[in-house]
PDB file of N, CA and C in Angstrom:
ATOM      1  N   UNK A   1      -1.925  16.954 -35.307  1.00  0.00           N
ATOM      2  CA  UNK A   1      -3.082  16.232 -34.706  1.00  0.00           C
ATOM      3  C   UNK A   1      -2.767  14.690 -34.987  1.00  0.00           C
ATOM      4  N   UNK A   2      -2.551  13.797 -34.094  1.00  0.00           N
ATOM      5  CA  UNK A   2      -2.282  12.405 -34.333  1.00  0.00           C
ATOM      6  C   UNK A   2      -3.311  11.633 -34.981  1.00  0.00           C
ATOM      7  N   UNK A   3      -3.093  10.669 -35.806  1.00  0.00           N
ATOM      8  CA  UNK A   3      -4.263   9.946 -36.303  1.00  0.00           C
ATOM      9  C   UNK A   3      -4.912   8.959 -35.362  1.00  0.00           C
ATOM     10  N   UNK A   4      -6.347   8.732 -35.611  1.00  0.00           N
ATOM     11  CA  UNK A   4      -7.008   7.937 -34.609  1.00  0.00           C
ATOM     12  C   UNK A   4      -7.242   6.362 -35.263  1.00  0.00           C
ATOM     13  N   UNK A   5      -7.206   5.516 -34.441  1.00  0.00           N
ATOM     14  CA  UNK A   5      -7.518   4.211 -34.932  1.00  0.00           C
ATOM     15  C   UNK A   5      -8.616   3.600 -34.364  1.00  0.00           C
ATOM     16  N   UNK A   6      -9.741   4.059 -34.478  1.00  0.00           N
ATOM     17  CA  UNK A   6     -11.104   3.316 -33.875  1.00  0.00           C
ATOM     18  C   UNK A   6     -11.323   1.713 -33.864  1.00  0.00           C
ATOM     19  N   UNK A   7     -10.655   1.184 -34.738  1.00  0.00           N
ATOM     20  CA  UNK A   7     -10.853  -0.223 -34.777  1.00  0.00           C
ATOM     21  C   UNK A   7      -9.848  -1.005 -34.396  1.00  0.00           C
ATOM     22  N   UNK A   8      -8.848  -0.238 -34.261  1.00  0.00           N
ATOM     23  CA  UNK A   8      -7.508  -1.057 -33.449  1.00  0.00           C
ATOM     24  C   UNK A   8      -7.495  -1.388 -31.909  1.00  0.00           C
ATOM     25  N   UNK A   9      -7.519  -2.596 -31.458  1.00  0.00           N
ATOM     26  CA  UNK A   9      -7.530  -2.690 -30.051  1.00  0.00           C
ATOM     27  C   UNK A   9      -6.227  -2.306 -29.654  1.00  0.00           C
ATOM     28  N   UNK A  10      -6.229  -1.668 -28.405  1.00  0.00           N
ATOM     29  CA  UNK A  10      -4.966  -1.321 -27.766  1.00  0.00           C
ATOM     30  C   UNK A  10      -5.069  -1.930 -26.295  1.00  0.00           C
ATOM     31  N   UNK A  11      -3.471  -2.546 -26.002  1.00  0.00           N
ATOM     32  CA  UNK A  11      -3.328  -3.078 -24.935  1.00  0.00           C
ATOM     33  C   UNK A  11      -2.670  -2.020 -23.829  1.00  0.00           C
ATOM     34  N   UNK A  12      -3.510  -2.093 -22.876  1.00  0.00           N
ATOM     35  CA  UNK A  12      -3.150  -1.197 -21.888  1.00  0.00           C
ATOM     36  C   UNK A  12      -2.734  -1.906 -20.408  1.00  0.00           C
ATOM     37  N   UNK A  13      -1.528  -1.261 -19.926  1.00  0.00           N
ATOM     38  CA  UNK A  13      -1.157  -1.843 -18.700  1.00  0.00           C
ATOM     39  C   UNK A  13      -2.065  -1.526 -17.650  1.00  0.00           C
ATOM     40  N   UNK A  14      -2.058  -2.567 -16.478  1.00  0.00           N
ATOM     41  CA  UNK A  14      -2.884  -2.465 -15.578  1.00  0.00           C
ATOM     42  C   UNK A  14      -1.971  -2.393 -14.214  1.00  0.00           C
ATOM     43  N   UNK A  15      -2.437  -2.014 -13.123  1.00  0.00           N
ATOM     44  CA  UNK A  15      -1.808  -1.926 -11.849  1.00  0.00           C
ATOM     45  C   UNK A  15      -2.878  -2.508 -11.031  1.00  0.00           C
ATOM     46  N   UNK A  16      -2.055  -3.315  -9.951  1.00  0.00           N
ATOM     47  CA  UNK A  16      -2.877  -3.988  -8.909  1.00  0.00           C
ATOM     48  C   UNK A  16      -2.127  -3.279  -7.871  1.00  0.00           C
ATOM     49  N   UNK A  17      -3.149  -3.201  -6.745  1.00  0.00           N
ATOM     50  CA  UNK A  17      -2.671  -2.821  -5.366  1.00  0.00           C
ATOM     51  C   UNK A  17      -3.066  -3.868  -4.423  1.00  0.00           C
ATOM     52  N   UNK A  18      -2.389  -4.705  -3.800  1.00  0.00           N
ATOM     53  CA  UNK A  18      -2.822  -5.710  -2.754  1.00  0.00           C
ATOM     54  C   UNK A  18      -2.626  -4.865  -1.482  1.00  0.00           C
ATOM     55  N   UNK A  19      -3.531  -4.850  -0.530  1.00  0.00           N
ATOM     56  CA  UNK A  19      -3.449  -4.280   0.910  1.00  0.00           C
ATOM     57  C   UNK A  19      -4.012  -5.421   1.705  1.00  0.00           C
ATOM     58  N   UNK A  20      -3.817  -5.422   2.973  1.00  0.00           N
ATOM     59  CA  UNK A  20      -4.537  -6.471   3.867  1.00  0.00           C
ATOM     60  C   UNK A  20      -3.974  -7.991   4.142  1.00  0.00           C
ATOM     61  N   UNK A  21      -2.694  -7.726   3.677  1.00  0.00           N
ATOM     62  CA  UNK A  21      -1.716  -8.911   3.741  1.00  0.00           C
ATOM     63  C   UNK A  21      -0.649  -8.697   4.893  1.00  0.00           C
ATOM     64  N   UNK A  22      -0.144  -9.595   5.489  1.00  0.00           N
ATOM     65  CA  UNK A  22       0.996  -9.405   6.272  1.00  0.00           C
ATOM     66  C   UNK A  22       2.401  -9.539   5.630  1.00  0.00           C
ATOM     67  N   UNK A  23       3.441  -9.081   5.987  1.00  0.00           N
ATOM     68  CA  UNK A  23       4.664  -9.456   5.416  1.00  0.00           C
ATOM     69  C   UNK A  23       5.022 -11.042   5.455  1.00  0.00           C
ATOM     70  N   UNK A  24       4.474 -11.612   6.361  1.00  0.00           N
ATOM     71  CA  UNK A  24       4.665 -13.042   6.477  1.00  0.00           C
ATOM     72  C   UNK A  24       3.836 -13.868   5.450  1.00  0.00           C
ATOM     73  N   UNK A  25       2.547 -13.378   5.148  1.00  0.00           N
ATOM     74  CA  UNK A  25       1.768 -13.837   4.108  1.00  0.00           C
ATOM     75  C   UNK A  25       2.455 -13.646   2.712  1.00  0.00           C
ATOM     76  N   UNK A  26       2.974 -12.391   2.542  1.00  0.00           N
ATOM     77  CA  UNK A  26       3.446 -11.898   1.555  1.00  0.00           C
ATOM     78  C   UNK A  26       4.921 -13.183   1.223  1.00  0.00           C
ATOM     79  N   UNK A  27       5.688 -12.987   2.236  1.00  0.00           N
ATOM     80  CA  UNK A  27       6.746 -13.840   1.971  1.00  0.00           C
ATOM     81  C   UNK A  27       6.569 -15.515   1.551  1.00  0.00           C
ATOM     82  N   UNK A  28       5.500 -15.900   2.272  1.00  0.00           N
ATOM     83  CA  UNK A  28       5.094 -17.431   2.034  1.00  0.00           C
ATOM     84  C   UNK A  28       4.739 -17.351   0.608  1.00  0.00           C
ATOM     85  N   UNK A  29       3.785 -16.517   0.300  1.00  0.00           N
ATOM     86  CA  UNK A  29       3.253 -16.386  -1.150  1.00  0.00           C
ATOM     87  C   UNK A  29       4.569 -16.213  -2.314  1.00  0.00           C
ATOM     88  N   UNK A  30       5.601 -15.532  -2.021  1.00  0.00           N
ATOM     89  CA  UNK A  30       6.508 -15.629  -2.874  1.00  0.00           C
ATOM     90  C   UNK A  30       7.322 -17.001  -2.713  1.00  0.00           C
ATOM     91  N   UNK A  31       7.634 -17.609  -1.619  1.00  0.00           N
ATOM     92  CA  UNK A  31       7.966 -18.952  -1.788  1.00  0.00           C
ATOM     93  C   UNK A  31       7.393 -19.919  -2.648  1.00  0.00           C
ATOM     94  N   UNK A  32       5.944 -19.945  -2.437  1.00  0.00           N
ATOM     95  CA  UNK A  32       5.137 -20.695  -2.987  1.00  0.00           C
ATOM     96  C   UNK A  32       4.966 -20.474  -4.570  1.00  0.00           C
ATOM     97  N   UNK A  33       5.173 -19.142  -4.965  1.00  0.00           N
ATOM     98  CA  UNK A  33       5.203 -19.019  -6.561  1.00  0.00           C
ATOM     99  C   UNK A  33       6.427 -19.112  -6.966  1.00  0.00           C
ATOM    100  N   UNK A  34       7.654 -19.092  -6.283  1.00  0.00           N
ATOM    101  CA  UNK A  34       8.835 -19.214  -6.953  1.00  0.00           C
ATOM    102  C   UNK A  34       9.668 -20.410  -6.757  1.00  0.00           C
ATOM    103  N   UNK A  35       9.037 -21.542  -6.160  1.00  0.00           N
ATOM    104  CA  UNK A  35       9.513 -22.920  -5.759  1.00  0.00           C
ATOM    105  C   UNK A  35      10.450 -22.795  -4.736  1.00  0.00           C
ATOM    106  N   UNK A  36      10.348 -21.815  -3.902  1.00  0.00           N
ATOM    107  CA  UNK A  36      11.028 -21.772  -2.737  1.00  0.00           C
ATOM    108  C   UNK A  36      12.234 -20.658  -2.323  1.00  0.00           C
ATOM    109  N   UNK A  37      12.057 -19.781  -3.416  1.00  0.00           N
ATOM    110  CA  UNK A  37      13.149 -18.616  -3.501  1.00  0.00           C
ATOM    111  C   UNK A  37      12.541 -17.861  -2.163  1.00  0.00           C
ATOM    112  N   UNK A  38      13.394 -17.031  -1.543  1.00  0.00           N
ATOM    113  CA  UNK A  38      13.185 -16.182  -0.622  1.00  0.00           C
ATOM    114  C   UNK A  38      12.852 -14.727  -1.025  1.00  0.00           C
ATOM    115  N   UNK A  39      13.302 -14.381  -2.272  1.00  0.00           N
ATOM    116  CA  UNK A  39      12.895 -13.309  -3.007  1.00  0.00           C
ATOM    117  C   UNK A  39      12.741 -13.374  -4.409  1.00  0.00           C
ATOM    118  N   UNK A  40      11.769 -12.523  -5.011  1.00  0.00           N
ATOM    119  CA  UNK A  40      11.748 -12.482  -6.424  1.00  0.00           C
ATOM    120  C   UNK A  40      12.420 -11.460  -6.856  1.00  0.00           C
ATOM    121  N   UNK A  41      13.460 -11.423  -7.600  1.00  0.00           N
ATOM    122  CA  UNK A  41      14.256 -10.090  -8.026  1.00  0.00           C
ATOM    123  C   UNK A  41      14.314  -9.599  -9.348  1.00  0.00           C
ATOM    124  N   UNK A  42      13.603 -10.469 -10.201  1.00  0.00           N
ATOM    125  CA  UNK A  42      13.699 -10.218 -11.598  1.00  0.00           C
ATOM    126  C   UNK A  42      12.150 -10.706 -12.010  1.00  0.00           C
ATOM    127  N   UNK A  43      11.809  -9.939 -13.257  1.00  0.00           N
ATOM    128  CA  UNK A  43      10.488 -10.359 -13.782  1.00  0.00           C
ATOM    129  C   UNK A  43      10.462 -12.034 -14.062  1.00  0.00           C
ATOM    130  N   UNK A  44      11.713 -12.299 -14.505  1.00  0.00           N
ATOM    131  CA  UNK A  44      11.876 -14.044 -14.912  1.00  0.00           C
ATOM    132  C   UNK A  44      11.493 -14.930 -13.616  1.00  0.00           C
ATOM    133  N   UNK A  45      11.370 -14.120 -12.260  1.00  0.00           N
ATOM    134  CA  UNK A  45      11.209 -15.104 -11.084  1.00  0.00           C
ATOM    135  C   UNK A  45       9.424 -15.319 -11.101  1.00  0.00           C
ATOM    136  N   UNK A  46       8.887 -14.465 -11.647  1.00  0.00           N
ATOM    137  CA  UNK A  46       7.401 -14.739 -11.591  1.00  0.00           C
ATOM    138  C   UNK A  46       7.049 -15.847 -12.353  1.00  0.00           C
ATOM    139  N   UNK A  47       5.961 -16.536 -11.948  1.00  0.00           N
ATOM    140  CA  UNK A  47       5.332 -17.969 -12.629  1.00  0.00           C
ATOM    141  C   UNK A  47       4.821 -17.615 -14.112  1.00  0.00           C
ATOM    142  N   UNK A  48       4.466 -16.283 -14.507  1.00  0.00           N
ATOM    143  CA  UNK A  48       3.914 -16.084 -15.761  1.00  0.00           C
ATOM    144  C   UNK A  48       4.519 -14.634 -16.368  1.00  0.00           C
ATOM    145  N   UNK A  49       4.400 -14.369 -17.627  1.00  0.00           N
ATOM    146  CA  UNK A  49       5.349 -13.450 -18.106  1.00  0.00           C
ATOM    147  C   UNK A  49       4.294 -12.112 -18.269  1.00  0.00           C
ATOM    148  N   UNK A  50       4.892 -10.918 -18.310  1.00  0.00           N
ATOM    149  CA  UNK A  50       4.151  -9.785 -18.510  1.00  0.00           C
ATOM    150  C   UNK A  50       4.046  -8.922 -17.063  1.00  0.00           C
ATOM    151  N   UNK A  51       5.041  -9.275 -16.426  1.00  0.00           N
ATOM    152  CA  UNK A  51       5.359  -8.241 -14.971  1.00  0.00           C
ATOM    153  C   UNK A  51       6.082  -7.121 -15.472  1.00  0.00           C
ATOM    154  N   UNK A  52       5.694  -5.867 -15.235  1.00  0.00           N
ATOM    155  CA  UNK A  52       6.545  -4.485 -15.582  1.00  0.00           C
ATOM    156  C   UNK A  52       7.340  -3.981 -14.281  1.00  0.00           C
ATOM    157  N   UNK A  53       6.555  -4.176 -13.097  1.00  0.00           N
ATOM    158  CA  UNK A  53       6.883  -3.523 -11.911  1.00  0.00           C
ATOM    159  C   UNK A  53       6.569  -4.259 -10.703  1.00  0.00           C
ATOM    160  N   UNK A  54       7.328  -4.407  -9.642  1.00  0.00           N
ATOM    161  CA  UNK A  54       6.768  -4.710  -8.474  1.00  0.00           C
ATOM    162  C   UNK A  54       7.307  -4.203  -7.332  1.00  0.00           C
ATOM    163  N   UNK A  55       6.393  -3.738  -6.276  1.00  0.00           N
ATOM    164  CA  UNK A  55       7.057  -3.206  -5.168  1.00  0.00           C
ATOM    165  C   UNK A  55       6.121  -3.528  -4.132  1.00  0.00           C
ATOM    166  N   UNK A  56       7.036  -3.861  -2.988  1.00  0.00           N
ATOM    167  CA  UNK A  56       6.154  -4.478  -1.749  1.00  0.00           C
ATOM    168  C   UNK A  56       6.965  -3.858  -0.681  1.00  0.00           C
ATOM    169  N   UNK A  57       5.913  -3.533   0.476  1.00  0.00           N
ATOM    170  CA  UNK A  57       6.903  -3.019   1.654  1.00  0.00           C
ATOM    171  C   UNK A  57       5.640  -2.327   2.738  1.00  0.00           C
ATOM    172  N   UNK A  58       6.109  -2.181   3.873  1.00  0.00           N
ATOM    173  CA  UNK A  58       5.232  -1.709   4.969  1.00  0.00           C
ATOM    174  C   UNK A  58       4.765  -0.241   4.675  1.00  0.00           C
ATOM    175  N   UNK A  59       3.360  -0.231   4.628  1.00  0.00           N
ATOM    176  CA  UNK A  59       2.990   1.141   4.513  1.00  0.00           C
ATOM    177  C   UNK A  59       2.563   1.450   6.029  1.00  0.00           C
ATOM    178  N   UNK A  60       1.996   2.688   6.262  1.00  0.00           N
ATOM    179  CA  UNK A  60       1.845   3.115   7.589  1.00  0.00           C
ATOM    180  C   UNK A  60       0.807   2.239   8.264  1.00  0.00           C
ATOM    181  N   UNK A  61      -0.165   1.351   7.868  1.00  0.00           N
ATOM    182  CA  UNK A  61      -1.101   0.556   8.621  1.00  0.00           C
ATOM    183  C   UNK A  61      -1.122  -0.964   7.941  1.00  0.00           C
ATOM    184  N   UNK A  62      -0.546  -1.150   6.868  1.00  0.00           N
ATOM    185  CA  UNK A  62      -0.698  -2.425   6.474  1.00  0.00           C
ATOM    186  C   UNK A  62       0.660  -2.687   5.474  1.00  0.00           C
ATOM    187  N   UNK A  63       0.798  -4.019   5.101  1.00  0.00           N
ATOM    188  CA  UNK A  63       2.011  -4.247   4.272  1.00  0.00           C
ATOM    189  C   UNK A  63       1.027  -4.346   2.744  1.00  0.00           C
ATOM    190  N   UNK A  64       1.835  -3.634   1.759  1.00  0.00           N
ATOM    191  CA  UNK A  64       1.159  -3.290   0.619  1.00  0.00           C
ATOM    192  C   UNK A  64       2.060  -3.830  -0.433  1.00  0.00           C
ATOM    193  N   UNK A  65       1.565  -4.360  -1.558  1.00  0.00           N
ATOM    194  CA  UNK A  65       2.150  -4.619  -2.684  1.00  0.00           C
ATOM    195  C   UNK A  65       1.483  -4.191  -4.075  1.00  0.00           C
ATOM    196  N   UNK A  66       2.234  -3.621  -4.823  1.00  0.00           N
ATOM    197  CA  UNK A  66       2.062  -2.864  -6.062  1.00  0.00           C
ATOM    198  C   UNK A  66       2.746  -3.482  -7.062  1.00  0.00           C
ATOM    199  N   UNK A  67       1.748  -4.116  -8.186  1.00  0.00           N
ATOM    200  CA  UNK A  67       2.338  -4.656  -9.421  1.00  0.00           C
ATOM    201  C   UNK A  67       1.790  -3.836 -10.457  1.00  0.00           C
ATOM    202  N   UNK A  68       2.565  -3.777 -11.626  1.00  0.00           N
ATOM    203  CA  UNK A  68       2.120  -3.174 -12.955  1.00  0.00           C
ATOM    204  C   UNK A  68       2.135  -4.357 -13.806  1.00  0.00           C
ATOM    205  N   UNK A  69       1.308  -4.505 -14.608  1.00  0.00           N
ATOM    206  CA  UNK A  69       1.315  -5.738 -15.554  1.00  0.00           C
ATOM    207  C   UNK A  69       0.993  -5.523 -17.037  1.00  0.00           C
ATOM    208  N   UNK A  70       1.686  -5.902 -18.045  1.00  0.00           N
ATOM    209  CA  UNK A  70       1.543  -5.281 -19.273  1.00  0.00           C
ATOM    210  C   UNK A  70       0.201  -5.347 -19.813  1.00  0.00           C
ATOM    211  N   UNK A  71      -0.788  -6.160 -19.324  1.00  0.00           N
ATOM    212  CA  UNK A  71      -2.103  -6.174 -19.835  1.00  0.00           C
ATOM    213  C   UNK A  71      -2.735  -6.813 -18.750  1.00  0.00           C
ATOM    214  N   UNK A  72      -4.241  -6.922 -18.915  1.00  0.00           N
ATOM    215  CA  UNK A  72      -5.078  -7.457 -18.016  1.00  0.00           C
ATOM    216  C   UNK A  72      -5.038  -9.011 -17.987  1.00  0.00           C
ATOM    217  N   UNK A  73      -4.761  -9.395 -19.286  1.00  0.00           N
ATOM    218  CA  UNK A  73      -4.370 -10.818 -19.501  1.00  0.00           C
ATOM    219  C   UNK A  73      -3.322 -11.406 -18.671  1.00  0.00           C
ATOM    220  N   UNK A  74      -2.309 -10.635 -18.727  1.00  0.00           N
ATOM    221  CA  UNK A  74      -1.108 -11.173 -17.962  1.00  0.00           C
ATOM    222  C   UNK A  74      -1.561 -11.278 -16.515  1.00  0.00           C
ATOM    223  N   UNK A  75      -2.131 -10.113 -16.025  1.00  0.00           N
ATOM    224  CA  UNK A  75      -2.619 -10.222 -14.449  1.00  0.00           C
ATOM    225  C   UNK A  75      -3.443 -11.338 -14.293  1.00  0.00           C
ATOM    226  N   UNK A  76      -4.501 -11.451 -14.972  1.00  0.00           N
ATOM    227  CA  UNK A  76      -5.379 -12.690 -14.725  1.00  0.00           C
ATOM    228  C   UNK A  76      -4.760 -14.044 -14.691  1.00  0.00           C
ATOM    229  N   UNK A  77      -3.627 -14.070 -15.599  1.00  0.00           N
ATOM    230  CA  UNK A  77      -2.821 -15.285 -15.477  1.00  0.00           C
ATOM    231  C   UNK A  77      -2.342 -15.679 -14.075  1.00  0.00           C
ATOM    232  N   UNK A  78      -1.567 -14.154 -13.590  1.00  0.00           N
ATOM    233  CA  UNK A  78      -0.720 -14.380 -12.538  1.00  0.00           C
ATOM    234  C   UNK A  78      -1.921 -14.496 -11.477  1.00  0.00           C
ATOM    235  N   UNK A  79      -3.040 -13.936 -11.341  1.00  0.00           N
ATOM    236  CA  UNK A  79      -3.953 -14.007 -10.418  1.00  0.00           C
ATOM    237  C   UNK A  79      -4.457 -15.284 -10.180  1.00  0.00           C
ATOM    238  N   UNK A  80      -4.550 -16.314 -11.255  1.00  0.00           N
ATOM    239  CA  UNK A  80      -5.203 -17.401 -11.363  1.00  0.00           C
ATOM    240  C   UNK A  80      -4.195 -18.408 -10.364  1.00  0.00           C
ATOM    241  N   UNK A  81      -2.992 -18.115 -10.459  1.00  0.00           N
ATOM    242  CA  UNK A  81      -2.060 -18.737  -9.534  1.00  0.00           C
ATOM    243  C   UNK A  81      -1.754 -18.051  -7.934  1.00  0.00           C
ATOM    244  N   UNK A  82      -1.881 -17.009  -7.881  1.00  0.00           N
ATOM    245  CA  UNK A  82      -1.724 -16.144  -6.725  1.00  0.00           C
ATOM    246  C   UNK A  82      -2.934 -16.326  -5.593  1.00  0.00           C
ATOM    247  N   UNK A  83      -4.179 -16.269  -6.229  1.00  0.00           N
ATOM    248  CA  UNK A  83      -5.052 -16.060  -5.252  1.00  0.00           C
ATOM    249  C   UNK A  83      -5.491 -17.412  -4.527  1.00  0.00           C
ATOM    250  N   UNK A  84      -5.528 -18.520  -5.039  1.00  0.00           N
ATOM    251  CA  UNK A  84      -5.630 -19.679  -4.224  1.00  0.00           C
ATOM    252  C   UNK A  84      -4.629 -19.674  -3.145  1.00  0.00           C
ATOM    253  N   UNK A  85      -3.146 -19.142  -3.356  1.00  0.00           N
ATOM    254  CA  UNK A  85      -2.328 -19.234  -2.335  1.00  0.00           C
ATOM    255  C   UNK A  85      -2.741 -18.196  -1.094  1.00  0.00           C
ATOM    256  N   UNK A  86      -3.100 -17.178  -1.685  1.00  0.00           N
ATOM    257  CA  UNK A  86      -3.525 -16.201  -0.691  1.00  0.00           C
ATOM    258  C   UNK A  86      -4.745 -16.692   0.196  1.00  0.00           C
ATOM    259  N   UNK A  87      -5.740 -17.219  -0.353  1.00  0.00           N
ATOM    260  CA  UNK A  87      -6.963 -17.741   0.220  1.00  0.00           C
ATOM    261  C   UNK A  87      -6.507 -18.770   1.182  1.00  0.00           C
ATOM    262  N   UNK A  88      -5.628 -19.801   0.803  1.00  0.00           N
ATOM    263  CA  UNK A  88      -5.075 -20.742   1.749  1.00  0.00           C
ATOM    264  C   UNK A  88      -4.332 -20.043   3.139  1.00  0.00           C
ATOM    265  N   UNK A  89      -4.117 -19.092   3.104  1.00  0.00           N
ATOM    266  CA  UNK A  89      -3.149 -18.114   3.991  1.00  0.00           C
ATOM    267  C   UNK A  89      -4.298 -17.363   4.746  1.00  0.00           C
ATOM    268  N   UNK A  90      -5.644 -17.310   4.536  1.00  0.00           N
ATOM    269  CA  UNK A  90      -6.368 -16.538   5.278  1.00  0.00           C
ATOM    270  C   UNK A  90      -6.560 -15.012   4.572  1.00  0.00           C
ATOM    271  N   UNK A  91      -6.193 -14.627   3.394  1.00  0.00           N
ATOM    272  CA  UNK A  91      -6.066 -13.350   2.946  1.00  0.00           C
ATOM    273  C   UNK A  91      -7.547 -13.470   2.044  1.00  0.00           C
ATOM    274  N   UNK A  92      -8.297 -12.567   2.583  1.00  0.00           N
ATOM    275  CA  UNK A  92      -9.623 -12.292   1.572  1.00  0.00           C
ATOM    276  C   UNK A  92      -9.502 -11.009   0.954  1.00  0.00           C
ATOM    277  N   UNK A  93     -10.599 -10.838   0.309  1.00  0.00           N
ATOM    278  CA  UNK A  93     -10.601  -9.525  -0.429  1.00  0.00           C
ATOM    279  C   UNK A  93      -9.978  -9.673  -1.643  1.00  0.00           C
ATOM    280  N   UNK A  94     -10.002  -8.527  -2.637  1.00  0.00           N
ATOM    281  CA  UNK A  94      -9.611  -8.244  -3.979  1.00  0.00           C
ATOM    282  C   UNK A  94      -8.638  -7.262  -4.083  1.00  0.00           C
ATOM    283  N   UNK A  95      -7.651  -7.355  -4.816  1.00  0.00           N
ATOM    284  CA  UNK A  95      -6.798  -6.131  -5.148  1.00  0.00           C
ATOM    285  C   UNK A  95      -7.419  -4.937  -5.796  1.00  0.00           C
ATOM    286  N   UNK A  96      -7.062  -3.784  -5.423  1.00  0.00           N
ATOM    287  CA  UNK A  96      -7.600  -2.610  -6.473  1.00  0.00           C
ATOM    288  C   UNK A  96      -6.856  -2.846  -7.638  1.00  0.00           C
ATOM    289  N   UNK A  97      -7.606  -2.715  -8.766  1.00  0.00           N
ATOM    290  CA  UNK A  97      -6.834  -2.965 -10.151  1.00  0.00           C
ATOM    291  C   UNK A  97      -7.507  -1.747 -11.025  1.00  0.00           C
ATOM    292  N   UNK A  98      -6.572  -1.185 -11.695  1.00  0.00           N
ATOM    293  CA  UNK A  98      -7.104   0.023 -12.753  1.00  0.00           C
ATOM    294  C   UNK A  98      -6.051   0.178 -13.807  1.00  0.00           C
ATOM    295  N   UNK A  99      -6.633   0.619 -14.985  1.00  0.00           N
ATOM    296  CA  UNK A  99      -5.911   0.877 -16.081  1.00  0.00           C
ATOM    297  C   UNK A  99      -4.599   1.850 -15.580  1.00  0.00           C
ATOM    298  N   UNK A 100      -3.529   1.621 -16.414  1.00  0.00           N
ATOM    299  CA  UNK A 100      -2.317   2.734 -15.922  1.00  0.00           C
ATOM    300  C   UNK A 100      -2.312   3.923 -16.984  1.00  0.00           C
ATOM    301  N   UNK A 101      -2.483   4.944 -16.635  1.00  0.00           N
ATOM    302  CA  UNK A 101      -2.609   6.159 -17.457  1.00  0.00           C
ATOM    303  C   UNK A 101      -1.011   6.516 -17.733  1.00  0.00           C
ATOM    304  N   UNK A 102       0.015   6.480 -16.933  1.00  0.00           N
ATOM    305  CA  UNK A 102       1.151   6.785 -17.345  1.00  0.00           C
ATOM    306  C   UNK A 102       2.202   5.709 -16.688  1.00  0.00           C
ATOM    307  N   UNK A 103       3.122   5.434 -17.045  1.00  0.00           N
ATOM    308  CA  UNK A 103       4.256   4.316 -16.546  1.00  0.00           C
ATOM    309  C   UNK A 103       5.440   4.712 -17.117  1.00  0.00           C
ATOM    310  N   UNK A 104       6.344   5.160 -16.350  1.00  0.00           N
ATOM    311  CA  UNK A 104       8.044   5.519 -16.492  1.00  0.00           C
ATOM    312  C   UNK A 104       8.758   4.899 -15.780  1.00  0.00           C
ATOM    313  N   UNK A 105       9.741   4.362 -16.450  1.00  0.00           N
ATOM    314  CA  UNK A 105      11.039   3.766 -15.686  1.00  0.00           C
ATOM    315  C   UNK A 105      12.281   4.533 -15.858  1.00  0.00           C
ATOM    316  N   UNK A 106      13.129   4.108 -15.049  1.00  0.00           N
ATOM    317  CA  UNK A 106      14.661   4.676 -15.082  1.00  0.00           C
ATOM    318  C   UNK A 106      15.285   4.027 -16.187  1.00  0.00           C
TER     319      UNK A 106
END
């Protein structure tokens, strides 16, 4: 049996799923967040640290963006920069955010 540490604070990765944006709104957000880059290709391209994974693409009925952040604090820092840009482009609503149970990379 593994020991339990009830008084230790544990940092949990969080996922954020954005729907209801168009590909054009996504691409404009990328340009604004990256000082004009066409694509974000590395976690270092993001304006804040803590990104673990980023996936964007056309789903059946909407363009969808899925991010995994190392912590809620990292996601909040990113959201502080992203949400005003989305609002300027008419994107309403909030992403679905949830703690990550399992995160595996290749």
